[in-house]
């Protein structure tokens, strides 16, 4: 769903969904976690560009914790 929202330019909405699923990340296998990390980093970069630095920082921290 977050990828669809990103495609529509709805980065903040997608980021909210991602933040909700991060606590379940330990249940994912290694490949799935790697994909989630990539998505979180992409979202963080986009949010940083649009001056949503607090949300971007949370996503970046979540990505770092999953590596």
PDB file of N, CA and C in Angstrom:
ATOM      1  N   UNK A   1       0.825  -1.192   0.000  1.00  0.00           N
ATOM      2  CA  UNK A   1       0.000   0.000   0.000  1.00  0.00           C
ATOM      3  C   UNK A   1       0.870   1.258   0.000  1.00  0.00           C
ATOM      4  N   UNK A   2       1.962   1.217   0.782  1.00  0.00           N
ATOM      5  CA  UNK A   2       2.826   2.398   0.840  1.00  0.00           C
ATOM      6  C   UNK A   2       3.459   2.705  -0.515  1.00  0.00           C
ATOM      7  N   UNK A   3       3.735   1.666  -1.300  1.00  0.00           N
ATOM      8  CA  UNK A   3       4.304   1.896  -2.626  1.00  0.00           C
ATOM      9  C   UNK A   3       3.293   2.551  -3.559  1.00  0.00           C
ATOM     10  N   UNK A   4       2.046   2.171  -3.431  1.00  0.00           N
ATOM     11  CA  UNK A   4       0.984   2.800  -4.227  1.00  0.00           C
ATOM     12  C   UNK A   4       0.863   4.270  -3.848  1.00  0.00           C
ATOM     13  N   UNK A   5       0.871   4.549  -2.552  1.00  0.00           N
ATOM     14  CA  UNK A   5       0.780   5.936  -2.092  1.00  0.00           C
ATOM     15  C   UNK A   5       1.976   6.750  -2.571  1.00  0.00           C
ATOM     16  N   UNK A   6       3.159   6.140  -2.551  1.00  0.00           N
ATOM     17  CA  UNK A   6       4.350   6.844  -3.052  1.00  0.00           C
ATOM     18  C   UNK A   6       4.179   7.191  -4.528  1.00  0.00           C
ATOM     19  N   UNK A   7       3.646   6.252  -5.292  1.00  0.00           N
ATOM     20  CA  UNK A   7       3.409   6.493  -6.714  1.00  0.00           C
ATOM     21  C   UNK A   7       2.430   7.616  -6.969  1.00  0.00           C
ATOM     22  N   UNK A   8       1.563   7.847  -5.997  1.00  0.00           N
ATOM     23  CA  UNK A   8       0.589   8.931  -6.097  1.00  0.00           C
ATOM     24  C   UNK A   8       1.112  10.225  -5.472  1.00  0.00           C
ATOM     25  N   UNK A   9       2.345  10.190  -4.972  1.00  0.00           N
ATOM     26  CA  UNK A   9       2.920  11.375  -4.343  1.00  0.00           C
ATOM     27  C   UNK A   9       2.412  11.616  -2.933  1.00  0.00           C
ATOM     28  N   UNK A  10       1.791  10.636  -2.341  1.00  0.00           N
ATOM     29  CA  UNK A  10       1.246  10.767  -0.980  1.00  0.00           C
ATOM     30  C   UNK A  10       2.236  10.175   0.026  1.00  0.00           C
ATOM     31  N   UNK A  11       3.393  10.819   0.096  1.00  0.00           N
ATOM     32  CA  UNK A  11       4.495  10.304   0.905  1.00  0.00           C
ATOM     33  C   UNK A  11       4.176  10.294   2.400  1.00  0.00           C
ATOM     34  N   UNK A  12       3.540  11.322   2.888  1.00  0.00           N
ATOM     35  CA  UNK A  12       3.235  11.368   4.324  1.00  0.00           C
ATOM     36  C   UNK A  12       2.266  10.257   4.721  1.00  0.00           C
ATOM     37  N   UNK A  13       1.269  10.034   3.916  1.00  0.00           N
ATOM     38  CA  UNK A  13       0.296   8.983   4.215  1.00  0.00           C
ATOM     39  C   UNK A  13       0.961   7.611   4.203  1.00  0.00           C
ATOM     40  N   UNK A  14       1.801   7.384   3.202  1.00  0.00           N
ATOM     41  CA  UNK A  14       2.523   6.122   3.120  1.00  0.00           C
ATOM     42  C   UNK A  14       3.482   5.932   4.283  1.00  0.00           C
ATOM     43  N   UNK A  15       4.105   7.013   4.706  1.00  0.00           N
ATOM     44  CA  UNK A  15       5.029   6.949   5.837  1.00  0.00           C
ATOM     45  C   UNK A  15       4.296   6.555   7.115  1.00  0.00           C
ATOM     46  N   UNK A  16       3.101   7.054   7.271  1.00  0.00           N
ATOM     47  CA  UNK A  16       2.306   6.686   8.448  1.00  0.00           C
ATOM     48  C   UNK A  16       2.026   5.186   8.470  1.00  0.00           C
ATOM     49  N   UNK A  17       1.723   4.631   7.312  1.00  0.00           N
ATOM     50  CA  UNK A  17       1.505   3.183   7.235  1.00  0.00           C
ATOM     51  C   UNK A  17       2.782   2.414   7.561  1.00  0.00           C
ATOM     52  N   UNK A  18       3.891   2.875   7.029  1.00  0.00           N
ATOM     53  CA  UNK A  18       5.160   2.210   7.300  1.00  0.00           C
ATOM     54  C   UNK A  18       5.504   2.234   8.783  1.00  0.00           C
ATOM     55  N   UNK A  19       5.260   3.365   9.423  1.00  0.00           N
ATOM     56  CA  UNK A  19       5.560   3.459  10.851  1.00  0.00           C
ATOM     57  C   UNK A  19       4.720   2.465  11.659  1.00  0.00           C
ATOM     58  N   UNK A  20       3.549   2.155  11.174  1.00  0.00           N
ATOM     59  CA  UNK A  20       2.687   1.205  11.875  1.00  0.00           C
ATOM     60  C   UNK A  20       3.182  -0.234  11.745  1.00  0.00           C
ATOM     61  N   UNK A  21       3.859  -0.546  10.637  1.00  0.00           N
ATOM     62  CA  UNK A  21       4.293  -1.932  10.454  1.00  0.00           C
ATOM     63  C   UNK A  21       5.705  -2.208  10.961  1.00  0.00           C
ATOM     64  N   UNK A  22       6.469  -1.183  11.251  1.00  0.00           N
ATOM     65  CA  UNK A  22       7.843  -1.386  11.726  1.00  0.00           C
ATOM     66  C   UNK A  22       7.904  -2.301  12.952  1.00  0.00           C
ATOM     67  N   UNK A  23       6.999  -2.181  13.925  1.00  0.00           N
ATOM     68  CA  UNK A  23       7.089  -3.088  15.076  1.00  0.00           C
ATOM     69  C   UNK A  23       6.951  -4.574  14.715  1.00  0.00           C
ATOM     70  N   UNK A  24       6.343  -4.883  13.586  1.00  0.00           N
ATOM     71  CA  UNK A  24       6.187  -6.275  13.154  1.00  0.00           C
ATOM     72  C   UNK A  24       7.374  -6.761  12.324  1.00  0.00           C
ATOM     73  N   UNK A  25       8.336  -5.904  12.056  1.00  0.00           N
ATOM     74  CA  UNK A  25       9.468  -6.256  11.202  1.00  0.00           C
ATOM     75  C   UNK A  25      10.251  -7.483  11.680  1.00  0.00           C
ATOM     76  N   UNK A  26      10.388  -7.715  12.984  1.00  0.00           N
ATOM     77  CA  UNK A  26      11.117  -8.925  13.403  1.00  0.00           C
ATOM     78  C   UNK A  26      10.472 -10.234  12.912  1.00  0.00           C
ATOM     79  N   UNK A  27       9.227 -10.189  12.530  1.00  0.00           N
ATOM     80  CA  UNK A  27       8.551 -11.376  12.025  1.00  0.00           C
ATOM     81  C   UNK A  27       8.884 -11.655  10.558  1.00  0.00           C
ATOM     82  N   UNK A  28       9.501 -10.706   9.896  1.00  0.00           N
ATOM     83  CA  UNK A  28       9.832 -10.843   8.478  1.00  0.00           C
ATOM     84  C   UNK A  28      11.119 -11.639   8.302  1.00  0.00           C
ATOM     85  N   UNK A  29      11.243 -12.290   7.149  1.00  0.00           N
ATOM     86  CA  UNK A  29      12.500 -12.972   6.865  1.00  0.00           C
ATOM     87  C   UNK A  29      13.534 -11.942   6.403  1.00  0.00           C
ATOM     88  N   UNK A  30      14.754 -12.382   6.195  1.00  0.00           N
ATOM     89  CA  UNK A  30      15.854 -11.470   5.878  1.00  0.00           C
ATOM     90  C   UNK A  30      15.612 -10.662   4.604  1.00  0.00           C
ATOM     91  N   UNK A  31      15.107 -11.311   3.583  1.00  0.00           N
ATOM     92  CA  UNK A  31      14.848 -10.627   2.305  1.00  0.00           C
ATOM     93  C   UNK A  31      13.745  -9.579   2.462  1.00  0.00           C
ATOM     94  N   UNK A  32      12.700  -9.936   3.184  1.00  0.00           N
ATOM     95  CA  UNK A  32      11.597  -9.001   3.410  1.00  0.00           C
ATOM     96  C   UNK A  32      12.057  -7.797   4.234  1.00  0.00           C
ATOM     97  N   UNK A  33      12.885  -8.050   5.242  1.00  0.00           N
ATOM     98  CA  UNK A  33      13.416  -6.933   6.049  1.00  0.00           C
ATOM     99  C   UNK A  33      14.282  -6.020   5.195  1.00  0.00           C
ATOM    100  N   UNK A  34      15.084  -6.606   4.322  1.00  0.00           N
ATOM    101  CA  UNK A  34      15.931  -5.799   3.435  1.00  0.00           C
ATOM    102  C   UNK A  34      15.070  -4.918   2.528  1.00  0.00           C
ATOM    103  N   UNK A  35      13.977  -5.472   2.043  1.00  0.00           N
ATOM    104  CA  UNK A  35      13.057  -4.679   1.204  1.00  0.00           C
ATOM    105  C   UNK A  35      12.442  -3.544   2.015  1.00  0.00           C
ATOM    106  N   UNK A  36      12.049  -3.845   3.234  1.00  0.00           N
ATOM    107  CA  UNK A  36      11.458  -2.818   4.097  1.00  0.00           C
ATOM    108  C   UNK A  36      12.467  -1.715   4.386  1.00  0.00           C
ATOM    109  N   UNK A  37      13.711  -2.091   4.652  1.00  0.00           N
ATOM    110  CA  UNK A  37      14.757  -1.089   4.893  1.00  0.00           C
ATOM    111  C   UNK A  37      14.901  -0.180   3.685  1.00  0.00           C
ATOM    112  N   UNK A  38      14.912  -0.748   2.502  1.00  0.00           N
ATOM    113  CA  UNK A  38      15.034   0.040   1.274  1.00  0.00           C
ATOM    114  C   UNK A  38      13.863   1.014   1.115  1.00  0.00           C
ATOM    115  N   UNK A  39      12.668   0.534   1.381  1.00  0.00           N
ATOM    116  CA  UNK A  39      11.476   1.382   1.276  1.00  0.00           C
ATOM    117  C   UNK A  39      11.533   2.506   2.314  1.00  0.00           C
ATOM    118  N   UNK A  40      11.915   2.168   3.538  1.00  0.00           N
ATOM    119  CA  UNK A  40      12.011   3.189   4.591  1.00  0.00           C
ATOM    120  C   UNK A  40      13.016   4.263   4.213  1.00  0.00           C
ATOM    121  N   UNK A  41      14.150   3.851   3.661  1.00  0.00           N
ATOM    122  CA  UNK A  41      15.184   4.826   3.271  1.00  0.00           C
ATOM    123  C   UNK A  41      14.703   5.721   2.137  1.00  0.00           C
ATOM    124  N   UNK A  42      14.005   5.134   1.181  1.00  0.00           N
ATOM    125  CA  UNK A  42      13.471   5.920   0.058  1.00  0.00           C
ATOM    126  C   UNK A  42      12.456   6.949   0.553  1.00  0.00           C
ATOM    127  N   UNK A  43      11.582   6.488   1.434  1.00  0.00           N
ATOM    128  CA  UNK A  43      10.597   7.398   2.021  1.00  0.00           C
ATOM    129  C   UNK A  43      11.286   8.505   2.806  1.00  0.00           C
ATOM    130  N   UNK A  44      12.272   8.147   3.600  1.00  0.00           N
ATOM    131  CA  UNK A  44      12.980   9.147   4.412  1.00  0.00           C
ATOM    132  C   UNK A  44      13.614  10.216   3.517  1.00  0.00           C
ATOM    133  N   UNK A  45      14.232   9.782   2.438  1.00  0.00           N
ATOM    134  CA  UNK A  45      14.864  10.739   1.516  1.00  0.00           C
ATOM    135  C   UNK A  45      13.830  11.678   0.903  1.00  0.00           C
ATOM    136  N   UNK A  46      12.713  11.129   0.502  1.00  0.00           N
ATOM    137  CA  UNK A  46      11.667  11.954  -0.115  1.00  0.00           C
ATOM    138  C   UNK A  46      11.069  12.926   0.894  1.00  0.00           C
ATOM    139  N   UNK A  47      10.825  12.445   2.106  1.00  0.00           N
ATOM    140  CA  UNK A  47      10.266  13.323   3.143  1.00  0.00           C
ATOM    141  C   UNK A  47      11.247  14.427   3.514  1.00  0.00           C
ATOM    142  N   UNK A  48      12.523  14.114   3.520  1.00  0.00           N
ATOM    143  CA  UNK A  48      13.549  15.120   3.810  1.00  0.00           C
ATOM    144  C   UNK A  48      13.495  16.231   2.765  1.00  0.00           C
ATOM    145  N   UNK A  49      13.332  15.858   1.508  1.00  0.00           N
ATOM    146  CA  UNK A  49      13.252  16.838   0.418  1.00  0.00           C
ATOM    147  C   UNK A  49      12.053  17.767   0.580  1.00  0.00           C
ATOM    148  N   UNK A  50      10.975  17.240   1.131  1.00  0.00           N
ATOM    149  CA  UNK A  50       9.761  18.047   1.280  1.00  0.00           C
ATOM    150  C   UNK A  50       9.633  18.658   2.676  1.00  0.00           C
ATOM    151  N   UNK A  51      10.761  18.734   3.375  1.00  0.00           N
ATOM    152  CA  UNK A  51      10.846  19.422   4.668  1.00  0.00           C
ATOM    153  C   UNK A  51      10.053  18.749   5.791  1.00  0.00           C
ATOM    154  N   UNK A  52       9.808  17.467   5.678  1.00  0.00           N
ATOM    155  CA  UNK A  52       9.159  16.706   6.756  1.00  0.00           C
ATOM    156  C   UNK A  52      10.255  15.956   7.506  1.00  0.00           C
ATOM    157  N   UNK A  53      11.146  16.744   8.116  1.00  0.00           N
ATOM    158  CA  UNK A  53      12.371  16.188   8.671  1.00  0.00           C
ATOM    159  C   UNK A  53      12.137  15.277   9.880  1.00  0.00           C
ATOM    160  N   UNK A  54      11.159  15.578  10.692  1.00  0.00           N
ATOM    161  CA  UNK A  54      10.914  14.744  11.870  1.00  0.00           C
ATOM    162  C   UNK A  54      10.472  13.346  11.456  1.00  0.00           C
ATOM    163  N   UNK A  55       9.536  13.283  10.537  1.00  0.00           N
ATOM    164  CA  UNK A  55       9.053  11.993  10.052  1.00  0.00           C
ATOM    165  C   UNK A  55      10.166  11.259   9.304  1.00  0.00           C
ATOM    166  N   UNK A  56      10.951  11.997   8.532  1.00  0.00           N
ATOM    167  CA  UNK A  56      12.075  11.401   7.811  1.00  0.00           C
ATOM    168  C   UNK A  56      13.082  10.799   8.792  1.00  0.00           C
ATOM    169  N   UNK A  57      13.352  11.497   9.872  1.00  0.00           N
ATOM    170  CA  UNK A  57      14.296  10.999  10.877  1.00  0.00           C
ATOM    171  C   UNK A  57      13.789   9.715  11.534  1.00  0.00           C
ATOM    172  N   UNK A  58      12.505   9.651  11.799  1.00  0.00           N
ATOM    173  CA  UNK A  58      11.939   8.433  12.402  1.00  0.00           C
ATOM    174  C   UNK A  58      12.074   7.244  11.458  1.00  0.00           C
ATOM    175  N   UNK A  59      11.810   7.472  10.180  1.00  0.00           N
ATOM    176  CA  UNK A  59      11.928   6.373   9.212  1.00  0.00           C
ATOM    177  C   UNK A  59      13.375   5.943   9.032  1.00  0.00           C
ATOM    178  N   UNK A  60      14.284   6.897   9.019  1.00  0.00           N
ATOM    179  CA  UNK A  60      15.698   6.581   8.889  1.00  0.00           C
ATOM    180  C   UNK A  60      16.182   5.778  10.093  1.00  0.00           C
ATOM    181  N   UNK A  61      15.731   6.166  11.283  1.00  0.00           N
ATOM    182  CA  UNK A  61      16.093   5.434  12.506  1.00  0.00           C
ATOM    183  C   UNK A  61      15.523   4.021  12.471  1.00  0.00           C
ATOM    184  N   UNK A  62      14.308   3.870  11.976  1.00  0.00           N
ATOM    185  CA  UNK A  62      13.693   2.557  11.881  1.00  0.00           C
ATOM    186  C   UNK A  62      14.480   1.682  10.897  1.00  0.00           C
ATOM    187  N   UNK A  63      14.882   2.259   9.773  1.00  0.00           N
ATOM    188  CA  UNK A  63      15.666   1.514   8.795  1.00  0.00           C
ATOM    189  C   UNK A  63      16.990   1.063   9.394  1.00  0.00           C
ATOM    190  N   UNK A  64      17.650   1.950  10.113  1.00  0.00           N
ATOM    191  CA  UNK A  64      18.937   1.609  10.723  1.00  0.00           C
ATOM    192  C   UNK A  64      18.782   0.495  11.753  1.00  0.00           C
ATOM    193  N   UNK A  65      17.668   0.483  12.474  1.00  0.00           N
ATOM    194  CA  UNK A  65      17.476  -0.538  13.489  1.00  0.00           C
ATOM    195  C   UNK A  65      17.207  -1.922  12.889  1.00  0.00           C
ATOM    196  N   UNK A  66      16.831  -1.967  11.625  1.00  0.00           N
ATOM    197  CA  UNK A  66      16.520  -3.236  10.978  1.00  0.00           C
ATOM    198  C   UNK A  66      17.698  -3.832  10.221  1.00  0.00           C
ATOM    199  N   UNK A  67      18.776  -3.112  10.098  1.00  0.00           N
ATOM    200  CA  UNK A  67      19.950  -3.599   9.357  1.00  0.00           C
ATOM    201  C   UNK A  67      20.701  -4.641  10.153  1.00  0.00           C
TER     202      UNK A  67
END
